[in-house]
Amino acid sequence: PIGALSTLPFFAPYFVPATVNFVPLVAPTNLMVFDPQVYLNTAFGLVAGCVAGAATLLLIPQPSPSFRAQRLVDLSIRDLRRLAAGRRRWTFRQWQGRMYSRLVALPAECEPVQRSRLAATLTVGVQVIRLRHLATDSRSGAEISDILAALAAGDLPRLQYTLAELDKEIASIPDDEPGKRG
């Protein structure tokens, strides 16, 4: 019954700890031993641990809103670099869900520049996923891998140079022969 009640959102904060503490407290085993001293020691230890945990959470101050916002931005940039490096293969929906949840989690007191950085990270991540699909479907895979490697390393001058070179190559394709390199 405690496990079932812990699934209800209103009761979850009360019954999840009760469910977790039920097994060590009652210690259901095949061999039943009724030792009040062991039972009371276990119960006291569990209650003291829960009280100490709650007191610790009350004593540790919450991080400032600007710190939390900067942390979310930093995590998003780290995830973008992982995506560009190919260490993570998120789909469009997974990436968007990840970034949207971080945008929602931003504190109301954060600066607009932090919101714009998260929005830019969302957009760049979507484009990286599209570039990965393009690299597998076209002949320009080498250039795209150079672009993604520069983005993953955070090397902005190399990224700008590689993008400029790819842009020149795309611009050199004659209009009457699309798909053919110039």
N, C-alpha and C. Protein backbone atom coordinates (compact mmCIF):
# COMPACT_ATOMS: atom_id res chain seq x y z
N PRO A 1 0.81 -1.21 0.00
CA PRO A 1 0.00 0.00 0.00
C PRO A 1 0.86 1.28 0.00
N ILE A 2 1.99 1.23 0.71
CA ILE A 2 2.85 2.42 0.74
C ILE A 2 3.43 2.68 -0.64
N GLY A 3 3.83 1.64 -1.34
CA GLY A 3 4.36 1.79 -2.69
C GLY A 3 3.33 2.35 -3.64
N ALA A 4 2.08 1.90 -3.51
CA ALA A 4 1.02 2.41 -4.37
C ALA A 4 0.73 3.88 -4.07
N LEU A 5 0.73 4.24 -2.81
CA LEU A 5 0.48 5.65 -2.45
C LEU A 5 1.64 6.55 -2.87
N SER A 6 2.84 6.00 -2.97
CA SER A 6 3.99 6.83 -3.36
C SER A 6 3.94 7.22 -4.83
N THR A 7 3.08 6.58 -5.63
CA THR A 7 2.95 6.95 -7.04
C THR A 7 2.06 8.17 -7.24
N LEU A 8 1.29 8.54 -6.24
CA LEU A 8 0.44 9.73 -6.36
C LEU A 8 1.29 10.97 -6.12
N PRO A 9 1.21 11.95 -7.02
CA PRO A 9 2.09 13.13 -6.91
C PRO A 9 1.97 13.87 -5.57
N PHE A 10 0.76 13.98 -5.04
CA PHE A 10 0.58 14.72 -3.80
C PHE A 10 1.23 14.01 -2.61
N PHE A 11 1.18 12.69 -2.61
CA PHE A 11 1.70 11.92 -1.49
C PHE A 11 3.14 11.47 -1.67
N ALA A 12 3.70 11.64 -2.84
CA ALA A 12 5.04 11.13 -3.14
C ALA A 12 6.11 11.60 -2.15
N PRO A 13 6.16 12.89 -1.78
CA PRO A 13 7.23 13.30 -0.84
C PRO A 13 7.16 12.59 0.51
N TYR A 14 5.99 12.07 0.87
CA TYR A 14 5.85 11.42 2.17
C TYR A 14 6.04 9.90 2.09
N PHE A 15 5.53 9.30 1.02
CA PHE A 15 5.52 7.85 0.96
C PHE A 15 6.73 7.24 0.25
N VAL A 16 7.45 8.00 -0.58
CA VAL A 16 8.67 7.45 -1.19
C VAL A 16 9.70 7.14 -0.11
N PRO A 17 9.99 8.07 0.82
CA PRO A 17 10.93 7.70 1.90
C PRO A 17 10.40 6.56 2.77
N ALA A 18 9.09 6.53 2.98
CA ALA A 18 8.52 5.44 3.79
C ALA A 18 8.72 4.11 3.07
N THR A 19 8.56 4.10 1.75
CA THR A 19 8.76 2.87 0.98
C THR A 19 10.21 2.43 1.03
N VAL A 20 11.12 3.39 0.89
CA VAL A 20 12.55 3.07 0.91
C VAL A 20 12.98 2.55 2.28
N ASN A 21 12.42 3.11 3.33
CA ASN A 21 12.82 2.72 4.68
C ASN A 21 12.07 1.50 5.21
N PHE A 22 11.05 1.02 4.50
CA PHE A 22 10.25 -0.11 4.98
C PHE A 22 11.09 -1.40 5.07
N VAL A 23 11.85 -1.68 4.02
CA VAL A 23 12.58 -2.94 3.98
C VAL A 23 13.63 -3.02 5.09
N PRO A 24 14.49 -1.99 5.28
CA PRO A 24 15.45 -2.15 6.39
C PRO A 24 14.80 -2.12 7.77
N LEU A 25 13.68 -1.44 7.89
CA LEU A 25 13.04 -1.34 9.20
C LEU A 25 12.38 -2.66 9.60
N VAL A 26 11.59 -3.22 8.71
CA VAL A 26 10.86 -4.44 9.04
C VAL A 26 11.72 -5.67 8.75
N ALA A 27 12.64 -5.59 7.81
CA ALA A 27 13.54 -6.68 7.43
C ALA A 27 12.78 -7.97 7.17
N PRO A 28 11.89 -7.96 6.15
CA PRO A 28 11.12 -9.19 5.89
C PRO A 28 12.04 -10.29 5.35
N THR A 29 12.15 -11.37 6.09
CA THR A 29 12.96 -12.52 5.69
C THR A 29 12.16 -13.79 5.95
N ASN A 30 12.71 -14.90 5.51
CA ASN A 30 12.03 -16.18 5.75
C ASN A 30 12.07 -16.56 7.22
N LEU A 31 13.15 -16.23 7.88
CA LEU A 31 13.28 -16.55 9.29
C LEU A 31 12.86 -15.33 10.10
N MET A 32 11.81 -15.43 10.87
CA MET A 32 11.32 -14.31 11.64
C MET A 32 12.01 -14.28 13.00
N VAL A 33 12.62 -13.14 13.29
CA VAL A 33 13.29 -12.95 14.58
C VAL A 33 12.71 -11.68 15.19
N PHE A 34 12.20 -11.79 16.38
CA PHE A 34 11.63 -10.64 17.07
C PHE A 34 12.61 -10.17 18.13
N ASP A 35 13.43 -9.19 17.73
CA ASP A 35 14.43 -8.63 18.64
C ASP A 35 14.14 -7.13 18.75
N PRO A 36 13.50 -6.71 19.84
CA PRO A 36 13.11 -5.29 19.95
C PRO A 36 14.32 -4.35 19.96
N GLN A 37 15.43 -4.77 20.50
CA GLN A 37 16.60 -3.90 20.55
C GLN A 37 17.13 -3.61 19.14
N VAL A 38 17.23 -4.61 18.30
CA VAL A 38 17.69 -4.42 16.92
C VAL A 38 16.68 -3.57 16.16
N TYR A 39 15.39 -3.84 16.37
CA TYR A 39 14.35 -3.07 15.69
C TYR A 39 14.43 -1.60 16.07
N LEU A 40 14.55 -1.31 17.34
CA LEU A 40 14.59 0.09 17.79
C LEU A 40 15.88 0.78 17.33
N ASN A 41 17.01 0.06 17.33
CA ASN A 41 18.26 0.65 16.82
C ASN A 41 18.12 1.00 15.34
N THR A 42 17.56 0.08 14.57
CA THR A 42 17.37 0.33 13.14
C THR A 42 16.42 1.48 12.91
N ALA A 43 15.30 1.49 13.62
CA ALA A 43 14.32 2.56 13.47
C ALA A 43 14.93 3.91 13.85
N PHE A 44 15.66 3.96 14.95
CA PHE A 44 16.27 5.21 15.37
C PHE A 44 17.31 5.68 14.35
N GLY A 45 18.08 4.76 13.82
CA GLY A 45 19.07 5.12 12.81
C GLY A 45 18.43 5.68 11.55
N LEU A 46 17.34 5.05 11.10
CA LEU A 46 16.65 5.53 9.91
C LEU A 46 16.02 6.90 10.14
N VAL A 47 15.37 7.08 11.27
CA VAL A 47 14.76 8.38 11.57
C VAL A 47 15.83 9.45 11.72
N ALA A 48 16.91 9.13 12.41
CA ALA A 48 17.99 10.12 12.58
C ALA A 48 18.62 10.48 11.24
N GLY A 49 18.78 9.50 10.36
CA GLY A 49 19.33 9.78 9.04
C GLY A 49 18.42 10.66 8.21
N CYS A 50 17.12 10.41 8.26
CA CYS A 50 16.16 11.24 7.53
C CYS A 50 16.13 12.67 8.08
N VAL A 51 16.17 12.80 9.39
CA VAL A 51 16.17 14.13 10.01
C VAL A 51 17.46 14.87 9.67
N ALA A 52 18.58 14.17 9.71
CA ALA A 52 19.86 14.81 9.38
C ALA A 52 19.88 15.25 7.92
N GLY A 53 19.33 14.43 7.03
CA GLY A 53 19.27 14.82 5.63
C GLY A 53 18.39 16.04 5.41
N ALA A 54 17.23 16.08 6.06
CA ALA A 54 16.34 17.23 5.93
C ALA A 54 16.98 18.48 6.51
N ALA A 55 17.65 18.35 7.65
CA ALA A 55 18.32 19.51 8.25
C ALA A 55 19.45 20.02 7.36
N THR A 56 20.17 19.11 6.75
CA THR A 56 21.25 19.51 5.86
C THR A 56 20.71 20.29 4.67
N LEU A 57 19.59 19.82 4.11
CA LEU A 57 18.99 20.54 2.99
C LEU A 57 18.51 21.94 3.39
N LEU A 58 18.10 22.08 4.64
CA LEU A 58 17.66 23.41 5.10
C LEU A 58 18.85 24.33 5.37
N LEU A 59 19.97 23.77 5.80
CA LEU A 59 21.13 24.58 6.15
C LEU A 59 21.96 25.01 4.94
N ILE A 60 21.99 24.19 3.89
CA ILE A 60 22.78 24.54 2.70
C ILE A 60 21.99 25.57 1.90
N PRO A 61 22.59 26.72 1.62
CA PRO A 61 21.85 27.75 0.88
C PRO A 61 21.68 27.37 -0.60
N GLN A 62 20.59 27.83 -1.16
CA GLN A 62 20.33 27.61 -2.58
C GLN A 62 21.32 28.43 -3.41
N PRO A 63 21.78 27.92 -4.54
CA PRO A 63 22.64 28.74 -5.40
C PRO A 63 21.85 29.92 -5.96
N SER A 64 22.55 30.98 -6.26
CA SER A 64 21.89 32.18 -6.78
C SER A 64 21.30 31.90 -8.15
N PRO A 65 20.27 32.67 -8.54
CA PRO A 65 19.67 32.46 -9.86
C PRO A 65 20.66 32.66 -11.01
N SER A 66 21.56 33.61 -10.87
CA SER A 66 22.53 33.82 -11.95
C SER A 66 23.48 32.64 -12.07
N PHE A 67 23.85 32.04 -10.94
CA PHE A 67 24.72 30.86 -10.97
C PHE A 67 24.00 29.67 -11.61
N ARG A 68 22.73 29.46 -11.23
CA ARG A 68 21.96 28.36 -11.83
C ARG A 68 21.79 28.56 -13.33
N ALA A 69 21.53 29.79 -13.74
CA ALA A 69 21.35 30.07 -15.17
C ALA A 69 22.66 29.83 -15.93
N GLN A 70 23.77 30.29 -15.37
CA GLN A 70 25.06 30.09 -16.04
C GLN A 70 25.41 28.61 -16.11
N ARG A 71 25.05 27.88 -15.10
CA ARG A 71 25.30 26.44 -15.10
C ARG A 71 24.51 25.75 -16.21
N LEU A 72 23.26 26.14 -16.40
CA LEU A 72 22.46 25.56 -17.48
C LEU A 72 23.03 25.90 -18.85
N VAL A 73 23.53 27.13 -19.01
CA VAL A 73 24.14 27.52 -20.28
C VAL A 73 25.41 26.70 -20.52
N ASP A 74 26.23 26.57 -19.49
CA ASP A 74 27.47 25.80 -19.63
C ASP A 74 27.20 24.33 -19.96
N LEU A 75 26.20 23.74 -19.31
CA LEU A 75 25.83 22.36 -19.60
C LEU A 75 25.36 22.21 -21.04
N SER A 76 24.62 23.19 -21.51
CA SER A 76 24.11 23.13 -22.88
C SER A 76 25.24 23.25 -23.89
N ILE A 77 26.19 24.11 -23.63
CA ILE A 77 27.33 24.25 -24.54
C ILE A 77 28.16 22.97 -24.53
N ARG A 78 28.33 22.37 -23.37
CA ARG A 78 29.06 21.10 -23.29
C ARG A 78 28.34 20.02 -24.08
N ASP A 79 27.01 19.98 -23.98
CA ASP A 79 26.24 19.00 -24.74
C ASP A 79 26.34 19.27 -26.24
N LEU A 80 26.38 20.53 -26.63
CA LEU A 80 26.53 20.88 -28.04
C LEU A 80 27.87 20.39 -28.57
N ARG A 81 28.91 20.55 -27.78
CA ARG A 81 30.24 20.07 -28.20
C ARG A 81 30.27 18.55 -28.30
N ARG A 82 29.60 17.87 -27.39
CA ARG A 82 29.50 16.41 -27.47
C ARG A 82 28.76 15.99 -28.73
N LEU A 83 27.70 16.72 -29.04
CA LEU A 83 26.93 16.42 -30.24
C LEU A 83 27.77 16.62 -31.49
N ALA A 84 28.52 17.72 -31.53
CA ALA A 84 29.36 18.02 -32.69
C ALA A 84 30.50 17.01 -32.82
N ALA A 85 31.03 16.55 -31.70
CA ALA A 85 32.14 15.60 -31.74
C ALA A 85 31.67 14.19 -32.08
N GLY A 86 30.37 13.96 -32.02
CA GLY A 86 29.85 12.64 -32.33
C GLY A 86 29.83 11.71 -31.15
N ARG A 87 30.12 12.22 -29.95
CA ARG A 87 30.09 11.36 -28.76
C ARG A 87 28.66 11.07 -28.32
N ARG A 88 27.73 11.93 -28.72
CA ARG A 88 26.31 11.72 -28.44
C ARG A 88 25.55 11.81 -29.75
N ARG A 89 24.58 10.96 -29.92
CA ARG A 89 23.76 10.95 -31.14
C ARG A 89 22.30 11.20 -30.75
N TRP A 90 21.97 12.46 -30.48
CA TRP A 90 20.60 12.81 -30.16
C TRP A 90 19.81 12.99 -31.45
N THR A 91 18.53 12.66 -31.40
CA THR A 91 17.64 12.95 -32.51
C THR A 91 17.14 14.39 -32.36
N PHE A 92 16.42 14.86 -33.39
CA PHE A 92 15.85 16.21 -33.30
C PHE A 92 14.99 16.36 -32.05
N ARG A 93 14.11 15.42 -31.84
CA ARG A 93 13.19 15.51 -30.68
C ARG A 93 13.93 15.46 -29.35
N GLN A 94 14.91 14.59 -29.26
CA GLN A 94 15.67 14.49 -28.02
C GLN A 94 16.41 15.79 -27.74
N TRP A 95 17.06 16.34 -28.77
CA TRP A 95 17.81 17.58 -28.59
C TRP A 95 16.88 18.73 -28.22
N GLN A 96 15.78 18.85 -28.96
CA GLN A 96 14.84 19.92 -28.66
C GLN A 96 14.25 19.78 -27.27
N GLY A 97 13.88 18.57 -26.89
CA GLY A 97 13.34 18.35 -25.56
C GLY A 97 14.34 18.71 -24.47
N ARG A 98 15.59 18.36 -24.70
CA ARG A 98 16.66 18.68 -23.74
C ARG A 98 16.81 20.19 -23.58
N MET A 99 16.87 20.90 -24.70
CA MET A 99 17.08 22.35 -24.65
C MET A 99 15.84 23.09 -24.16
N TYR A 100 14.65 22.63 -24.56
CA TYR A 100 13.43 23.27 -24.09
C TYR A 100 13.29 23.11 -22.57
N SER A 101 13.65 21.94 -22.06
CA SER A 101 13.56 21.75 -20.60
C SER A 101 14.54 22.66 -19.87
N ARG A 102 15.69 22.92 -20.48
CA ARG A 102 16.63 23.84 -19.85
C ARG A 102 16.15 25.29 -19.95
N LEU A 103 15.51 25.62 -21.05
CA LEU A 103 14.94 26.97 -21.17
C LEU A 103 13.85 27.18 -20.12
N VAL A 104 13.05 26.17 -19.90
CA VAL A 104 11.99 26.26 -18.89
C VAL A 104 12.59 26.33 -17.49
N ALA A 105 13.71 25.65 -17.26
CA ALA A 105 14.33 25.60 -15.94
C ALA A 105 15.09 26.88 -15.59
N LEU A 106 15.29 27.75 -16.57
CA LEU A 106 16.00 29.01 -16.26
C LEU A 106 15.21 29.81 -15.24
N PRO A 107 15.88 30.35 -14.26
CA PRO A 107 15.18 31.19 -13.27
C PRO A 107 14.64 32.46 -13.93
N ALA A 108 13.57 32.98 -13.39
CA ALA A 108 12.95 34.19 -13.94
C ALA A 108 13.89 35.39 -13.84
N GLU A 109 14.81 35.36 -12.88
CA GLU A 109 15.71 36.50 -12.66
C GLU A 109 16.94 36.48 -13.56
N CYS A 110 17.06 35.50 -14.45
CA CYS A 110 18.28 35.41 -15.26
C CYS A 110 18.31 36.53 -16.31
N GLU A 111 19.50 36.77 -16.83
CA GLU A 111 19.68 37.83 -17.82
C GLU A 111 19.19 37.38 -19.18
N PRO A 112 18.73 38.31 -20.01
CA PRO A 112 18.27 37.92 -21.35
C PRO A 112 19.36 37.29 -22.20
N VAL A 113 20.62 37.66 -21.98
CA VAL A 113 21.70 37.09 -22.77
C VAL A 113 21.83 35.59 -22.51
N GLN A 114 21.51 35.15 -21.31
CA GLN A 114 21.58 33.72 -21.02
C GLN A 114 20.47 32.96 -21.73
N ARG A 115 19.29 33.57 -21.82
CA ARG A 115 18.20 32.95 -22.58
C ARG A 115 18.57 32.88 -24.06
N SER A 116 19.17 33.94 -24.56
CA SER A 116 19.54 33.95 -25.98
C SER A 116 20.64 32.92 -26.26
N ARG A 117 21.55 32.72 -25.33
CA ARG A 117 22.59 31.70 -25.53
C ARG A 117 21.99 30.31 -25.58
N LEU A 118 21.03 30.06 -24.71
CA LEU A 118 20.37 28.75 -24.75
C LEU A 118 19.59 28.56 -26.05
N ALA A 119 18.91 29.62 -26.50
CA ALA A 119 18.17 29.53 -27.76
C ALA A 119 19.13 29.30 -28.92
N ALA A 120 20.28 29.98 -28.90
CA ALA A 120 21.28 29.78 -29.96
C ALA A 120 21.84 28.37 -29.91
N THR A 121 22.06 27.84 -28.72
CA THR A 121 22.55 26.47 -28.59
C THR A 121 21.53 25.48 -29.15
N LEU A 122 20.26 25.74 -28.90
CA LEU A 122 19.21 24.90 -29.47
C LEU A 122 19.28 24.92 -30.99
N THR A 123 19.38 26.11 -31.58
CA THR A 123 19.40 26.24 -33.03
C THR A 123 20.65 25.60 -33.63
N VAL A 124 21.80 25.86 -33.04
CA VAL A 124 23.05 25.29 -33.56
C VAL A 124 23.02 23.77 -33.45
N GLY A 125 22.48 23.25 -32.36
CA GLY A 125 22.39 21.80 -32.21
C GLY A 125 21.51 21.16 -33.27
N VAL A 126 20.39 21.80 -33.59
CA VAL A 126 19.52 21.28 -34.64
C VAL A 126 20.26 21.28 -35.98
N GLN A 127 21.02 22.34 -36.24
CA GLN A 127 21.78 22.42 -37.49
C GLN A 127 22.90 21.39 -37.52
N VAL A 128 23.51 21.10 -36.38
CA VAL A 128 24.55 20.07 -36.33
C VAL A 128 23.94 18.71 -36.68
N ILE A 129 22.76 18.44 -36.15
CA ILE A 129 22.10 17.17 -36.47
C ILE A 129 21.80 17.11 -37.97
N ARG A 130 21.35 18.22 -38.54
CA ARG A 130 21.09 18.26 -39.99
C ARG A 130 22.39 18.09 -40.78
N LEU A 131 23.48 18.71 -40.31
CA LEU A 131 24.76 18.54 -40.99
C LEU A 131 25.22 17.09 -40.96
N ARG A 132 24.98 16.42 -39.86
CA ARG A 132 25.36 15.00 -39.77
C ARG A 132 24.60 14.19 -40.81
N HIS A 133 23.30 14.48 -40.96
CA HIS A 133 22.52 13.78 -41.98
C HIS A 133 23.02 14.13 -43.37
N LEU A 134 23.39 15.38 -43.59
CA LEU A 134 23.91 15.82 -44.88
C LEU A 134 25.24 15.14 -45.18
N ALA A 135 26.06 14.98 -44.17
CA ALA A 135 27.38 14.37 -44.37
C ALA A 135 27.25 12.92 -44.81
N THR A 136 26.24 12.24 -44.33
CA THR A 136 26.06 10.84 -44.74
C THR A 136 25.40 10.72 -46.10
N ASP A 137 24.69 11.78 -46.55
CA ASP A 137 23.96 11.72 -47.81
C ASP A 137 24.65 12.41 -48.97
N SER A 138 25.78 13.09 -48.76
CA SER A 138 26.37 13.88 -49.84
C SER A 138 27.86 13.62 -49.95
N ARG A 139 28.48 14.32 -50.93
CA ARG A 139 29.91 14.15 -51.18
C ARG A 139 30.75 15.14 -50.38
N SER A 140 30.15 16.02 -49.61
CA SER A 140 30.91 17.02 -48.86
C SER A 140 31.13 16.60 -47.42
N GLY A 141 31.22 15.31 -47.17
CA GLY A 141 31.36 14.81 -45.80
C GLY A 141 32.65 15.23 -45.13
N ALA A 142 33.75 15.32 -45.88
CA ALA A 142 35.04 15.68 -45.28
C ALA A 142 34.99 17.10 -44.73
N GLU A 143 34.44 18.03 -45.49
CA GLU A 143 34.37 19.42 -45.04
C GLU A 143 33.46 19.54 -43.82
N ILE A 144 32.37 18.81 -43.84
CA ILE A 144 31.42 18.88 -42.72
C ILE A 144 32.06 18.29 -41.47
N SER A 145 32.84 17.24 -41.61
CA SER A 145 33.50 16.68 -40.43
C SER A 145 34.53 17.66 -39.87
N ASP A 146 35.19 18.44 -40.76
CA ASP A 146 36.11 19.47 -40.28
C ASP A 146 35.36 20.56 -39.51
N ILE A 147 34.20 20.92 -40.01
CA ILE A 147 33.38 21.94 -39.34
C ILE A 147 32.96 21.44 -37.97
N LEU A 148 32.48 20.21 -37.90
CA LEU A 148 32.02 19.67 -36.62
C LEU A 148 33.18 19.48 -35.65
N ALA A 149 34.35 19.13 -36.16
CA ALA A 149 35.52 18.98 -35.28
C ALA A 149 35.93 20.33 -34.69
N ALA A 150 35.88 21.38 -35.51
CA ALA A 150 36.22 22.72 -35.01
C ALA A 150 35.19 23.19 -33.98
N LEU A 151 33.92 22.90 -34.22
CA LEU A 151 32.87 23.27 -33.27
C LEU A 151 33.04 22.50 -31.97
N ALA A 152 33.34 21.22 -32.07
CA ALA A 152 33.51 20.39 -30.87
C ALA A 152 34.70 20.86 -30.04
N ALA A 153 35.76 21.32 -30.71
CA ALA A 153 36.94 21.80 -29.99
C ALA A 153 36.76 23.22 -29.47
N GLY A 154 35.74 23.92 -29.96
CA GLY A 154 35.55 25.31 -29.54
C GLY A 154 36.54 26.25 -30.21
N ASP A 155 37.10 25.82 -31.33
CA ASP A 155 38.09 26.61 -32.06
C ASP A 155 37.36 27.50 -33.07
N LEU A 156 36.97 28.69 -32.63
CA LEU A 156 36.16 29.58 -33.48
C LEU A 156 36.88 30.07 -34.72
N PRO A 157 38.17 30.45 -34.65
CA PRO A 157 38.83 30.87 -35.90
C PRO A 157 38.87 29.76 -36.95
N ARG A 158 39.18 28.55 -36.54
CA ARG A 158 39.20 27.43 -37.48
C ARG A 158 37.80 27.14 -38.01
N LEU A 159 36.79 27.27 -37.15
CA LEU A 159 35.41 27.06 -37.56
C LEU A 159 35.00 28.09 -38.62
N GLN A 160 35.34 29.36 -38.38
CA GLN A 160 35.00 30.40 -39.35
C GLN A 160 35.72 30.17 -40.67
N TYR A 161 36.99 29.79 -40.61
CA TYR A 161 37.75 29.54 -41.83
C TYR A 161 37.16 28.38 -42.61
N THR A 162 36.84 27.29 -41.91
CA THR A 162 36.30 26.10 -42.57
C THR A 162 34.93 26.40 -43.19
N LEU A 163 34.11 27.16 -42.48
CA LEU A 163 32.81 27.54 -43.03
C LEU A 163 32.96 28.43 -44.25
N ALA A 164 33.93 29.36 -44.21
CA ALA A 164 34.17 30.23 -45.36
C ALA A 164 34.63 29.42 -46.57
N GLU A 165 35.50 28.44 -46.35
CA GLU A 165 35.97 27.60 -47.45
C GLU A 165 34.83 26.77 -48.04
N LEU A 166 34.00 26.22 -47.19
CA LEU A 166 32.86 25.45 -47.68
C LEU A 166 31.88 26.35 -48.43
N ASP A 167 31.69 27.56 -47.94
CA ASP A 167 30.81 28.52 -48.61
C ASP A 167 31.35 28.86 -49.99
N LYS A 168 32.68 29.06 -50.11
CA LYS A 168 33.28 29.34 -51.42
C LYS A 168 33.08 28.16 -52.36
N GLU A 169 33.25 26.96 -51.84
CA GLU A 169 33.08 25.77 -52.67
C GLU A 169 31.65 25.64 -53.16
N ILE A 170 30.70 25.91 -52.29
CA ILE A 170 29.29 25.83 -52.69
C ILE A 170 28.97 26.93 -53.70
N ALA A 171 29.53 28.12 -53.51
CA ALA A 171 29.29 29.22 -54.44
C ALA A 171 29.92 28.97 -55.80
N SER A 172 30.95 28.13 -55.87
CA SER A 172 31.61 27.87 -57.15
C SER A 172 30.86 26.86 -58.00
N ILE A 173 29.82 26.26 -57.48
CA ILE A 173 29.04 25.30 -58.27
C ILE A 173 28.23 26.07 -59.30
N PRO A 174 28.37 25.72 -60.58
CA PRO A 174 27.61 26.44 -61.61
C PRO A 174 26.11 26.22 -61.45
N ASP A 175 25.34 27.27 -61.76
CA ASP A 175 23.88 27.17 -61.62
C ASP A 175 23.28 26.18 -62.59
N ASP A 176 23.91 25.98 -63.76
CA ASP A 176 23.35 25.08 -64.75
C ASP A 176 23.68 23.62 -64.47
N GLU A 177 24.59 23.36 -63.51
CA GLU A 177 24.96 21.98 -63.17
C GLU A 177 24.89 21.79 -61.65
N PRO A 178 23.72 21.79 -61.07
CA PRO A 178 23.63 21.61 -59.61
C PRO A 178 24.11 20.21 -59.21
N GLY A 179 24.80 20.16 -58.10
CA GLY A 179 25.31 18.90 -57.60
C GLY A 179 26.69 18.55 -58.11
N LYS A 180 27.18 19.31 -59.08
CA LYS A 180 28.51 19.05 -59.62
C LYS A 180 29.49 20.06 -59.05
N ARG A 181 30.67 19.62 -58.69
CA ARG A 181 31.67 20.54 -58.13
C ARG A 181 32.31 21.34 -59.23
N GLY A 182 32.64 22.60 -58.92
CA GLY A 182 33.21 23.50 -59.92
C GLY A 182 34.70 23.38 -60.06
